[in-house]
Amino acid sequence: MRRTATGPILRAAGLIALLGTGPGCYYLNQAAGQFDIVLNSRPLEEVYADPGLTETRARKLDLVQAARRFAEERLGLKPSRNYTTYFDTGRRAVTYVVSAVRPDAFVPYVWWFPIVGSLPYKGYFDRRDAEAEAAALEAEGWDACIGESAAYSTLGWFRDPVFSSMLSLSDASLASTVIHELVHGTIYVSGQADFNESLATFVGREGALELLEERHGREAPEVAEARARFEDEALFDDFILDLYERLAALYSSTKKREEKLAEREKVFAGARVEHASLVARFRTGAFRRVTGLELNNATILAQVRYGRYNEFRRVFGRVRNSWPAFFAAVSAAAASGNPLAAVEALAREP
């Protein structure tokens, strides 16, 4: 069963497999979309000189540049020419991400792509194509969902522009998104989506807070708003992680498949009630406005994939919040063969 996953249900995917030389309409369509972006991106100097540029958009572009400099100079991320151009998507999302998971187990459908390897999601520039893919997966018996992405990383193969879809984000989310995507260009392990996305989520949030504190001061309203937003995201992540663990226990039981499916609907119903009571604890409007929570295994696993960042937070604390020491530790984990397990082991060390 498919759910449309937007907002807090499915964060914008940090990396979409757009590159490839293999046959088929998918690669042709994605290549056409990517080269449209490459050919029609404008230098930011032109955008700033445009008399139609609003003050709000100019301020957002300034924040993107500040986040890029901060990521490179203060966090030590790999320098690049990303975010020095601009592309108008003409819509609120630049790409649409399809995920699928078995309904009776947290086993994702996995696609393989050249360069980036295996991924548990697949990106499309056209929402209709994403809907067709999700429908085909549903017909095969998978849970499916479609998420909207305001940005993505090409891992250095192209110069990633500032997408117009990014400028509708809050300051906290915009700074976090820029840093998140730059992390992918610095540390990326093929076939390890949970490690890649959770690492980028942690660095994006923590880096965005530090950046906004430097720009506005620790007690500024902008910082308070960012902190509240990230705390809401963490609260929602904890809620979904608890739901994931309960369902994982159900799926690993000896009950028959039909019993598991019937029982999970009861768990979903209870989770919706729990979420309704959780809304009062949220501090920002983006989370308070989410009602009628729709759930399936695809939306849950997608959320967990981006929300496994507490281990990275513990590692950061262990190295006394030193970014060079932190990246040395996670780089070693990335080379271990099982990076997420290596990070979890580091986080558990006395």
Protein backbone atom coordinates (compact mmCIF):
# COMPACT_ATOMS: atom_id res chain seq x y z
CA MET A 1 0.00 0.00 0.00
CA ARG A 2 1.45 3.38 -1.00
CA ARG A 3 1.53 6.49 1.14
CA THR A 4 2.53 9.94 -0.05
CA ALA A 5 5.29 10.88 2.34
CA THR A 6 5.97 14.59 2.66
CA GLY A 7 7.11 16.86 5.44
CA PRO A 8 8.11 15.02 8.61
CA ILE A 9 7.06 11.61 7.34
CA LEU A 10 9.85 11.41 4.80
CA ARG A 11 12.66 13.82 4.74
CA ALA A 12 13.97 14.91 1.45
CA ALA A 13 16.35 12.24 0.23
CA GLY A 14 19.94 13.40 0.33
CA LEU A 15 21.19 11.45 -2.68
CA ILE A 16 19.39 10.34 -5.82
CA ALA A 17 20.89 7.91 -8.31
CA LEU A 18 20.79 9.98 -11.45
CA LEU A 19 23.91 8.80 -13.24
CA GLY A 20 24.43 5.78 -15.38
CA THR A 21 25.28 4.45 -18.79
CA GLY A 22 22.94 1.45 -18.78
CA PRO A 23 20.05 0.99 -21.17
CA GLY A 24 16.42 1.81 -20.61
CA CYS A 25 14.03 4.73 -20.46
CA TYR A 26 14.84 5.43 -16.83
CA TYR A 27 18.46 6.32 -17.49
CA LEU A 28 17.53 8.30 -20.61
CA ASN A 29 14.90 10.32 -18.77
CA GLN A 30 17.11 10.97 -15.77
CA ALA A 31 20.06 11.92 -17.96
CA ALA A 32 17.84 14.36 -19.86
CA GLY A 33 16.65 15.90 -16.59
CA GLN A 34 20.19 16.19 -15.22
CA PHE A 35 21.57 17.78 -18.35
CA ASP A 36 18.69 20.24 -18.40
CA ILE A 37 19.87 21.30 -14.97
CA VAL A 38 23.50 21.49 -16.08
CA LEU A 39 22.73 23.50 -19.22
CA ASN A 40 20.18 25.87 -17.71
CA SER A 41 21.74 26.69 -14.34
CA ARG A 42 22.69 30.37 -14.03
CA PRO A 43 25.73 31.78 -12.23
CA LEU A 44 24.69 33.30 -8.92
CA GLU A 45 26.20 36.61 -9.99
CA GLU A 46 23.49 36.84 -12.66
CA VAL A 47 20.79 35.95 -10.15
CA TYR A 48 21.94 38.59 -7.69
CA ALA A 49 21.98 41.18 -10.49
CA ASP A 50 18.42 40.32 -11.57
CA PRO A 51 16.15 43.30 -10.72
CA GLY A 52 13.33 40.85 -10.05
CA LEU A 53 15.17 39.16 -7.17
CA THR A 54 13.25 39.71 -3.96
CA GLU A 55 14.91 40.66 -0.69
CA THR A 56 13.72 37.39 0.87
CA ARG A 57 15.28 35.26 -1.87
CA ALA A 58 18.50 37.26 -1.77
CA ARG A 59 18.74 36.62 1.97
CA LYS A 60 18.17 32.90 1.40
CA LEU A 61 20.91 32.82 -1.22
CA ASP A 62 23.22 34.58 1.23
CA LEU A 63 22.48 31.87 3.78
CA VAL A 64 23.29 29.13 1.25
CA GLN A 65 26.68 30.72 0.62
CA ALA A 66 27.31 31.10 4.34
CA ALA A 67 26.43 27.43 4.89
CA ARG A 68 28.77 26.34 2.10
CA ARG A 69 31.67 28.37 3.51
CA PHE A 70 30.96 27.16 7.03
CA ALA A 71 30.88 23.54 5.90
CA GLU A 72 34.22 23.83 4.16
CA GLU A 73 36.08 26.15 6.54
CA ARG A 74 34.70 25.16 9.93
CA LEU A 75 33.54 21.57 9.50
CA GLY A 76 36.31 20.55 7.14
CA LEU A 77 34.09 19.24 4.35
CA LYS A 78 35.53 18.83 0.88
CA PRO A 79 35.68 22.14 -1.04
CA SER A 80 33.61 22.18 -4.22
CA ARG A 81 31.95 24.52 -6.70
CA ASN A 82 28.50 23.40 -5.56
CA TYR A 83 25.89 26.08 -4.86
CA THR A 84 27.59 28.69 -7.04
CA THR A 85 24.84 28.43 -9.67
CA TYR A 86 21.03 28.56 -9.58
CA PHE A 87 18.33 26.45 -11.25
CA ASP A 88 14.62 27.27 -11.26
CA THR A 89 12.71 24.00 -10.83
CA GLY A 90 9.33 25.68 -11.39
CA ARG A 91 7.89 23.61 -8.53
CA ARG A 92 8.42 22.94 -4.82
CA ALA A 93 10.42 19.74 -5.40
CA VAL A 94 13.30 19.03 -7.73
CA THR A 95 12.86 15.26 -7.67
CA TYR A 96 10.53 12.58 -6.34
CA VAL A 97 11.82 9.57 -4.45
CA VAL A 98 10.19 6.12 -4.51
CA SER A 99 10.78 3.62 -1.70
CA ALA A 100 9.29 0.16 -1.22
CA VAL A 101 9.34 -2.34 1.65
CA ARG A 102 7.74 -5.73 2.24
CA PRO A 103 4.50 -5.37 4.21
CA ASP A 104 5.36 -8.17 6.66
CA ALA A 105 9.04 -7.35 7.27
CA PHE A 106 11.38 -4.38 7.15
CA VAL A 107 13.04 -5.66 3.98
CA PRO A 108 13.46 -2.86 1.43
CA TYR A 109 13.26 -3.15 -2.32
CA VAL A 110 16.77 -2.34 -3.54
CA TRP A 111 17.81 -0.86 -6.87
CA TRP A 112 21.34 -0.98 -8.24
CA PHE A 113 22.88 1.96 -10.06
CA PRO A 114 26.27 2.57 -11.63
CA ILE A 115 28.65 4.63 -9.47
CA VAL A 116 26.50 4.79 -6.32
CA GLY A 117 25.78 1.05 -6.00
CA SER A 118 22.70 -0.35 -4.27
CA LEU A 119 20.09 2.07 -2.96
CA PRO A 120 16.74 1.52 -1.20
CA TYR A 121 15.16 4.41 -3.11
CA LYS A 122 14.87 5.63 -6.68
CA GLY A 123 14.54 9.21 -7.87
CA TYR A 124 12.48 10.71 -10.69
CA PHE A 125 12.23 14.25 -12.04
CA ASP A 126 8.60 13.70 -13.09
CA ARG A 127 6.11 12.86 -10.34
CA ARG A 128 3.99 10.88 -12.79
CA ASP A 129 6.92 8.55 -13.40
CA ALA A 130 7.37 8.14 -9.65
CA GLU A 131 3.69 7.35 -9.23
CA ALA A 132 3.86 4.75 -12.00
CA GLU A 133 6.86 3.10 -10.33
CA ALA A 134 5.12 3.06 -6.94
CA ALA A 135 1.96 1.61 -8.49
CA ALA A 136 3.96 -1.16 -10.16
CA LEU A 137 5.60 -2.04 -6.85
CA GLU A 138 2.23 -2.08 -5.10
CA ALA A 139 0.92 -4.43 -7.76
CA GLU A 140 3.77 -6.78 -6.84
CA GLY A 141 2.71 -6.69 -3.19
CA TRP A 142 5.11 -4.09 -1.76
CA ASP A 143 4.36 -1.18 0.54
CA ALA A 144 5.45 1.96 -1.30
CA CYS A 145 5.78 5.68 -0.72
CA ILE A 146 6.79 8.77 -2.66
CA GLY A 147 8.82 11.53 -1.06
CA GLU A 148 9.57 15.01 -2.34
CA SER A 149 13.17 16.24 -2.42
CA ALA A 150 14.18 19.90 -2.50
CA ALA A 151 17.83 19.04 -3.26
CA TYR A 152 20.19 16.19 -4.00
CA SER A 153 23.90 15.52 -4.43
CA THR A 154 25.60 14.23 -7.58
CA LEU A 155 28.71 13.32 -5.54
CA GLY A 156 30.91 15.70 -7.47
CA TRP A 157 30.04 14.49 -10.96
CA PHE A 158 28.27 17.77 -11.65
CA ARG A 159 28.20 21.19 -10.03
CA ASP A 160 25.11 21.04 -7.83
CA PRO A 161 23.13 24.28 -8.12
CA VAL A 162 20.97 26.08 -5.63
CA PHE A 163 17.52 24.81 -6.60
CA SER A 164 14.63 27.25 -6.34
CA SER A 165 12.83 24.55 -4.34
CA MET A 166 15.44 24.98 -1.59
CA LEU A 167 14.58 28.64 -1.06
CA SER A 168 11.12 27.82 0.29
CA LEU A 169 12.71 26.03 3.27
CA SER A 170 13.06 27.63 6.68
CA ASP A 171 16.49 29.05 7.51
CA ALA A 172 17.22 26.07 9.76
CA SER A 173 16.19 23.52 7.13
CA LEU A 174 17.98 25.37 4.33
CA ALA A 175 21.31 25.53 6.18
CA SER A 176 20.91 21.91 7.28
CA THR A 177 20.10 20.78 3.73
CA VAL A 178 23.15 22.48 2.22
CA ILE A 179 25.48 20.96 4.81
CA HIS A 180 23.74 17.57 4.51
CA GLU A 181 24.36 17.41 0.77
CA LEU A 182 27.98 18.56 1.12
CA VAL A 183 28.58 15.72 3.58
CA HIS A 184 27.64 13.27 0.80
CA GLY A 185 30.37 14.80 -1.36
CA THR A 186 32.90 14.27 1.43
CA ILE A 187 32.01 10.86 2.90
CA TYR A 188 29.90 8.41 0.96
CA VAL A 189 29.94 4.61 1.19
CA SER A 190 28.39 2.76 -1.75
CA GLY A 191 25.48 0.57 -0.71
CA GLN A 192 25.31 1.98 2.85
CA ALA A 193 22.30 4.32 2.71
CA ASP A 194 21.54 4.25 6.45
CA PHE A 195 25.09 5.27 7.33
CA ASN A 196 25.27 7.94 4.62
CA GLU A 197 21.93 9.55 5.40
CA SER A 198 22.10 9.43 9.19
CA LEU A 199 25.63 10.86 9.17
CA ALA A 200 24.56 13.69 6.86
CA THR A 201 21.45 14.34 8.98
CA PHE A 202 23.49 14.70 12.16
CA VAL A 203 26.16 16.93 10.63
CA GLY A 204 23.52 18.98 8.83
CA ARG A 205 21.55 19.73 11.99
CA GLU A 206 24.52 20.29 14.27
CA GLY A 207 26.34 22.38 11.69
CA ALA A 208 23.27 24.50 10.95
CA LEU A 209 22.84 25.32 14.65
CA GLU A 210 26.48 26.34 14.98
CA LEU A 211 26.25 28.48 11.84
CA LEU A 212 23.09 30.27 12.95
CA GLU A 213 24.55 30.87 16.41
CA GLU A 214 27.58 32.51 14.81
CA ARG A 215 25.45 34.66 12.51
CA HIS A 216 22.82 35.77 15.03
CA GLY A 217 24.02 34.93 18.56
CA ARG A 218 23.03 32.03 20.81
CA GLU A 219 19.93 33.73 22.18
CA ALA A 220 18.62 35.08 18.87
CA PRO A 221 15.07 34.22 17.73
CA GLU A 222 16.48 32.59 14.58
CA VAL A 223 18.53 30.20 16.70
CA ALA A 224 15.64 29.46 19.05
CA GLU A 225 13.45 28.65 16.05
CA ALA A 226 16.10 26.36 14.57
CA ARG A 227 16.64 24.57 17.88
CA ALA A 228 12.88 24.07 18.28
CA ARG A 229 12.58 22.69 14.76
CA PHE A 230 15.41 20.20 15.22
CA GLU A 231 14.02 19.16 18.60
CA ASP A 232 10.66 18.52 16.95
CA GLU A 233 12.38 16.43 14.30
CA ALA A 234 14.19 14.45 16.99
CA LEU A 235 10.93 13.93 18.89
CA PHE A 236 9.21 12.65 15.78
CA ASP A 237 12.21 10.43 14.98
CA ASP A 238 12.00 8.87 18.44
CA PHE A 239 8.28 8.24 17.94
CA ILE A 240 8.89 6.51 14.61
CA LEU A 241 11.86 4.54 15.95
CA ASP A 242 9.74 3.20 18.80
CA LEU A 243 7.05 2.21 16.28
CA TYR A 244 9.70 0.57 14.10
CA GLU A 245 11.02 -1.49 17.01
CA ARG A 246 7.55 -2.67 17.99
CA LEU A 247 6.76 -3.71 14.44
CA ALA A 248 10.16 -5.36 13.99
CA ALA A 249 9.42 -7.51 17.03
CA LEU A 250 6.05 -8.46 15.51
CA TYR A 251 7.57 -9.30 12.13
CA SER A 252 10.25 -11.49 13.69
CA SER A 253 7.68 -13.49 15.66
CA THR A 254 6.46 -16.97 14.73
CA LYS A 255 2.99 -15.71 13.81
CA LYS A 256 1.65 -16.44 10.36
CA ARG A 257 1.90 -13.74 7.72
CA GLU A 258 -1.84 -13.03 7.80
CA GLU A 259 -1.70 -12.63 11.57
CA LYS A 260 1.23 -10.23 11.31
CA LEU A 261 -0.57 -8.09 8.77
CA ALA A 262 -3.73 -7.98 10.89
CA GLU A 263 -1.74 -7.15 14.02
CA ARG A 264 0.23 -4.39 12.36
CA GLU A 265 -2.99 -2.59 11.44
CA LYS A 266 -3.80 -2.48 15.15
CA VAL A 267 -0.32 -1.13 15.85
CA PHE A 268 -0.80 1.51 13.15
CA ALA A 269 -4.16 2.53 14.63
CA GLY A 270 -2.61 2.89 18.09
CA ALA A 271 0.32 4.87 16.65
CA ARG A 272 -2.07 7.37 15.05
CA VAL A 273 -3.70 7.96 18.43
CA GLU A 274 -0.27 8.35 20.04
CA HIS A 275 0.77 10.81 17.35
CA ALA A 276 -2.36 12.89 17.89
CA SER A 277 -1.40 13.32 21.55
CA LEU A 278 2.22 14.01 20.56
CA VAL A 279 1.22 17.02 18.48
CA ALA A 280 0.77 19.11 21.62
CA ARG A 281 4.46 18.63 22.42
CA PHE A 282 5.67 19.95 19.10
CA ARG A 283 6.92 23.53 19.17
CA THR A 284 6.87 24.40 15.47
CA GLY A 285 3.98 24.72 13.06
CA ALA A 286 5.40 22.32 10.48
CA PHE A 287 4.89 19.42 12.87
CA ARG A 288 1.73 20.66 14.57
CA ARG A 289 -0.05 20.82 11.22
CA VAL A 290 0.52 17.14 10.45
CA THR A 291 -2.76 15.33 11.04
CA GLY A 292 -4.20 12.01 9.92
CA LEU A 293 -0.85 10.24 10.04
CA GLU A 294 -0.67 7.63 7.29
CA LEU A 295 1.71 4.75 7.84
CA ASN A 296 3.15 1.76 6.09
CA ASN A 297 6.49 -0.03 6.23
CA ALA A 298 7.98 2.12 3.48
CA THR A 299 7.30 5.45 5.21
CA ILE A 300 8.54 4.08 8.53
CA LEU A 301 11.77 2.64 7.19
CA ALA A 302 12.47 5.80 5.18
CA GLN A 303 12.12 7.88 8.34
CA VAL A 304 14.36 5.56 10.35
CA ARG A 305 16.98 5.66 7.60
CA TYR A 306 17.48 9.39 8.17
CA GLY A 307 16.89 9.35 11.91
CA ARG A 308 19.64 6.99 13.11
CA TYR A 309 21.87 9.86 14.09
CA ASN A 310 21.98 9.52 17.88
CA GLU A 311 25.03 7.27 17.61
CA PHE A 312 26.81 9.98 15.62
CA ARG A 313 25.86 12.49 18.31
CA ARG A 314 27.41 10.24 20.97
CA VAL A 315 30.60 9.88 18.93
CA PHE A 316 30.72 13.67 18.55
CA GLY A 317 30.41 14.04 22.32
CA ARG A 318 33.13 11.46 22.93
CA VAL A 319 35.61 13.54 20.92
CA ARG A 320 34.56 16.67 22.84
CA ASN A 321 32.67 18.15 19.91
CA SER A 322 35.79 18.33 17.75
CA TRP A 323 34.89 18.20 14.07
CA PRO A 324 38.35 17.02 12.91
CA ALA A 325 38.33 14.18 15.46
CA PHE A 326 34.72 13.34 14.62
CA PHE A 327 35.36 13.05 10.89
CA ALA A 328 38.49 11.01 11.54
CA ALA A 329 36.38 8.58 13.56
CA VAL A 330 33.54 8.29 11.04
CA SER A 331 35.97 8.05 8.13
CA ALA A 332 37.56 5.05 9.83
CA ALA A 333 34.09 3.59 10.33
CA ALA A 334 33.32 4.18 6.66
CA ALA A 335 36.32 2.05 5.70
CA SER A 336 35.40 -0.79 8.05
CA GLY A 337 33.05 -2.73 5.79
CA ASN A 338 30.07 -2.21 8.13
CA PRO A 339 30.13 1.53 8.83
CA LEU A 340 26.91 1.91 10.80
CA ALA A 341 27.83 -0.99 13.11
CA ALA A 342 31.27 0.54 13.57
CA VAL A 343 29.75 3.87 14.58
CA GLU A 344 27.37 2.12 17.00
CA ALA A 345 30.35 0.34 18.55
CA LEU A 346 32.21 3.64 18.95
CA ALA A 347 29.15 5.18 20.57
CA ARG A 348 28.95 2.33 23.11
CA GLU A 349 32.59 2.50 24.19
CA PRO A 350 33.03 3.46 27.87
